[in-house]
Amino acid sequence: MSDEQLGYEQARDELADVVAKLEAGGLSLEDSLALWERGEALAKICDRHLAGARERVEAALAAADKDTK
């Protein structure tokens, strides 16, 4: 599955795994850097999903506010 196909929950769960591995330590510098880079990519995916959800909520609230006026 490509990064573009990852859902929020999948990206979040993989990001949590990456963080746990980094916090556990014992990795080589190269492995740590690769995991950190993967974590950054996953965080961006999560941010995109959250931004989209925020836009949908704001649009729904604006529509509801418009209907009540």
N, C-alpha and C. Protein backbone atom coordinates (compact mmCIF):
# COMPACT_ATOMS: atom_id res chain seq x y z
N MET A 1 0.85 -1.18 0.00
CA MET A 1 0.00 0.00 0.00
C MET A 1 0.89 1.24 0.00
N SER A 2 0.58 2.18 -0.87
CA SER A 2 1.37 3.40 -0.92
C SER A 2 0.96 4.35 0.20
N ASP A 3 1.82 5.31 0.46
CA ASP A 3 1.53 6.28 1.52
C ASP A 3 0.24 7.04 1.23
N GLU A 4 -0.04 7.31 -0.04
CA GLU A 4 -1.25 8.05 -0.41
C GLU A 4 -2.52 7.27 -0.07
N GLN A 5 -2.42 5.96 0.04
CA GLN A 5 -3.58 5.12 0.33
C GLN A 5 -3.77 4.87 1.82
N LEU A 6 -2.80 5.28 2.64
CA LEU A 6 -2.90 5.05 4.08
C LEU A 6 -4.02 5.90 4.68
N GLY A 7 -4.87 5.27 5.45
CA GLY A 7 -5.87 6.00 6.20
C GLY A 7 -5.24 6.61 7.44
N TYR A 8 -6.00 7.47 8.09
CA TYR A 8 -5.48 8.13 9.28
C TYR A 8 -5.07 7.12 10.35
N GLU A 9 -5.95 6.18 10.63
CA GLU A 9 -5.68 5.21 11.70
C GLU A 9 -4.45 4.37 11.39
N GLN A 10 -4.29 3.98 10.12
CA GLN A 10 -3.13 3.18 9.74
C GLN A 10 -1.85 3.98 9.91
N ALA A 11 -1.86 5.22 9.45
CA ALA A 11 -0.67 6.07 9.57
C ALA A 11 -0.36 6.34 11.03
N ARG A 12 -1.38 6.61 11.83
CA ARG A 12 -1.19 6.87 13.26
C ARG A 12 -0.59 5.66 13.97
N ASP A 13 -1.11 4.48 13.66
CA ASP A 13 -0.61 3.26 14.31
C ASP A 13 0.83 2.98 13.91
N GLU A 14 1.14 3.16 12.62
CA GLU A 14 2.52 2.94 12.18
C GLU A 14 3.45 3.98 12.82
N LEU A 15 2.98 5.21 12.93
CA LEU A 15 3.77 6.26 13.57
C LEU A 15 4.05 5.90 15.03
N ALA A 16 3.06 5.38 15.72
CA ALA A 16 3.26 4.96 17.12
C ALA A 16 4.31 3.85 17.20
N ASP A 17 4.30 2.93 16.25
CA ASP A 17 5.31 1.87 16.22
C ASP A 17 6.71 2.45 15.99
N VAL A 18 6.80 3.41 15.09
CA VAL A 18 8.09 4.05 14.80
C VAL A 18 8.62 4.73 16.06
N VAL A 19 7.76 5.47 16.74
CA VAL A 19 8.17 6.16 17.96
C VAL A 19 8.64 5.17 19.02
N ALA A 20 7.90 4.09 19.18
CA ALA A 20 8.27 3.08 20.17
C ALA A 20 9.65 2.49 19.86
N LYS A 21 9.92 2.21 18.59
CA LYS A 21 11.22 1.65 18.21
C LYS A 21 12.34 2.65 18.47
N LEU A 22 12.09 3.92 18.15
CA LEU A 22 13.11 4.94 18.39
C LEU A 22 13.36 5.13 19.88
N GLU A 23 12.28 5.11 20.67
CA GLU A 23 12.44 5.28 22.12
C GLU A 23 13.14 4.09 22.76
N ALA A 24 12.97 2.91 22.19
CA ALA A 24 13.61 1.71 22.74
C ALA A 24 15.12 1.77 22.56
N GLY A 25 15.57 2.47 21.53
CA GLY A 25 17.00 2.61 21.28
C GLY A 25 17.63 1.33 20.76
N GLY A 26 18.93 1.30 20.78
CA GLY A 26 19.67 0.13 20.34
C GLY A 26 19.80 0.01 18.83
N LEU A 27 19.41 1.03 18.10
CA LEU A 27 19.47 0.99 16.64
C LEU A 27 20.73 1.69 16.16
N SER A 28 21.14 1.32 14.98
CA SER A 28 22.27 2.03 14.38
C SER A 28 21.81 3.43 13.98
N LEU A 29 22.78 4.28 13.73
CA LEU A 29 22.46 5.65 13.31
C LEU A 29 21.63 5.62 12.03
N GLU A 30 22.03 4.81 11.09
CA GLU A 30 21.30 4.73 9.80
C GLU A 30 19.87 4.25 10.00
N ASP A 31 19.69 3.23 10.82
CA ASP A 31 18.34 2.72 11.09
C ASP A 31 17.50 3.77 11.81
N SER A 32 18.11 4.47 12.74
CA SER A 32 17.40 5.52 13.47
C SER A 32 16.97 6.64 12.54
N LEU A 33 17.87 7.05 11.66
CA LEU A 33 17.54 8.10 10.70
C LEU A 33 16.43 7.67 9.74
N ALA A 34 16.49 6.43 9.29
CA ALA A 34 15.45 5.92 8.39
C ALA A 34 14.10 5.90 9.10
N LEU A 35 14.09 5.47 10.35
CA LEU A 35 12.84 5.46 11.11
C LEU A 35 12.34 6.88 11.36
N TRP A 36 13.22 7.79 11.67
CA TRP A 36 12.83 9.18 11.90
C TRP A 36 12.21 9.75 10.62
N GLU A 37 12.84 9.50 9.47
CA GLU A 37 12.30 9.99 8.20
C GLU A 37 10.92 9.40 7.93
N ARG A 38 10.75 8.11 8.22
CA ARG A 38 9.45 7.48 8.05
C ARG A 38 8.42 8.11 8.98
N GLY A 39 8.84 8.38 10.19
CA GLY A 39 7.95 9.03 11.15
C GLY A 39 7.51 10.40 10.68
N GLU A 40 8.42 11.17 10.12
CA GLU A 40 8.08 12.49 9.58
C GLU A 40 7.05 12.36 8.45
N ALA A 41 7.24 11.39 7.57
CA ALA A 41 6.30 11.18 6.47
C ALA A 41 4.92 10.78 7.01
N LEU A 42 4.91 9.92 8.01
CA LEU A 42 3.64 9.48 8.59
C LEU A 42 2.94 10.63 9.31
N ALA A 43 3.70 11.47 9.98
CA ALA A 43 3.11 12.63 10.66
C ALA A 43 2.46 13.57 9.65
N LYS A 44 3.07 13.74 8.50
CA LYS A 44 2.49 14.59 7.45
C LYS A 44 1.19 13.99 6.92
N ILE A 45 1.15 12.68 6.78
CA ILE A 45 -0.07 12.01 6.33
C ILE A 45 -1.18 12.24 7.36
N CYS A 46 -0.86 12.07 8.63
CA CYS A 46 -1.84 12.31 9.69
C CYS A 46 -2.33 13.76 9.66
N ASP A 47 -1.41 14.69 9.49
CA ASP A 47 -1.78 16.10 9.43
C ASP A 47 -2.74 16.38 8.27
N ARG A 48 -2.48 15.77 7.12
CA ARG A 48 -3.36 15.97 5.96
C ARG A 48 -4.76 15.45 6.26
N HIS A 49 -4.84 14.27 6.86
CA HIS A 49 -6.15 13.70 7.20
C HIS A 49 -6.88 14.59 8.21
N LEU A 50 -6.16 15.06 9.22
CA LEU A 50 -6.78 15.91 10.23
C LEU A 50 -7.23 17.25 9.64
N ALA A 51 -6.44 17.80 8.74
CA ALA A 51 -6.82 19.06 8.10
C ALA A 51 -8.09 18.87 7.27
N GLY A 52 -8.17 17.76 6.57
CA GLY A 52 -9.38 17.47 5.79
C GLY A 52 -10.60 17.30 6.67
N ALA A 53 -10.43 16.63 7.80
CA ALA A 53 -11.54 16.44 8.74
C ALA A 53 -11.95 17.79 9.32
N ARG A 54 -10.98 18.63 9.64
CA ARG A 54 -11.27 19.96 10.19
C ARG A 54 -12.08 20.78 9.19
N GLU A 55 -11.69 20.73 7.92
CA GLU A 55 -12.42 21.46 6.88
C GLU A 55 -13.86 20.97 6.77
N ARG A 56 -14.05 19.67 6.85
CA ARG A 56 -15.40 19.12 6.76
C ARG A 56 -16.26 19.56 7.94
N VAL A 57 -15.68 19.56 9.13
CA VAL A 57 -16.42 19.99 10.32
C VAL A 57 -16.77 21.47 10.21
N GLU A 58 -15.81 22.29 9.81
CA GLU A 58 -16.06 23.72 9.67
C GLU A 58 -17.14 23.99 8.62
N ALA A 59 -17.11 23.24 7.51
CA ALA A 59 -18.13 23.42 6.48
C ALA A 59 -19.51 23.00 7.01
N ALA A 60 -19.57 21.93 7.75
CA ALA A 60 -20.84 21.47 8.31
C ALA A 60 -21.37 22.48 9.32
N LEU A 61 -20.49 23.02 10.15
CA LEU A 61 -20.92 24.01 11.13
C LEU A 61 -21.39 25.30 10.44
N ALA A 62 -20.70 25.71 9.40
CA ALA A 62 -21.10 26.90 8.66
C ALA A 62 -22.45 26.68 7.99
N ALA A 63 -22.68 25.50 7.44
CA ALA A 63 -23.95 25.20 6.80
C ALA A 63 -25.07 25.17 7.84
N ALA A 64 -24.80 24.59 9.00
CA ALA A 64 -25.81 24.54 10.06
C ALA A 64 -26.11 25.95 10.57
N ASP A 65 -25.09 26.78 10.70
CA ASP A 65 -25.28 28.15 11.15
C ASP A 65 -26.10 28.94 10.13
N LYS A 66 -25.83 28.70 8.87
CA LYS A 66 -26.55 29.37 7.79
C LYS A 66 -28.04 28.98 7.81
N ASP A 67 -28.29 27.70 8.11
CA ASP A 67 -29.67 27.21 8.15
C ASP A 67 -30.46 27.78 9.31
N THR A 68 -29.77 28.16 10.38
CA THR A 68 -30.48 28.66 11.56
C THR A 68 -30.74 30.16 11.49
N LYS A 69 -30.20 30.81 10.49
CA LYS A 69 -30.39 32.28 10.37
C LYS A 69 -31.50 32.61 9.41
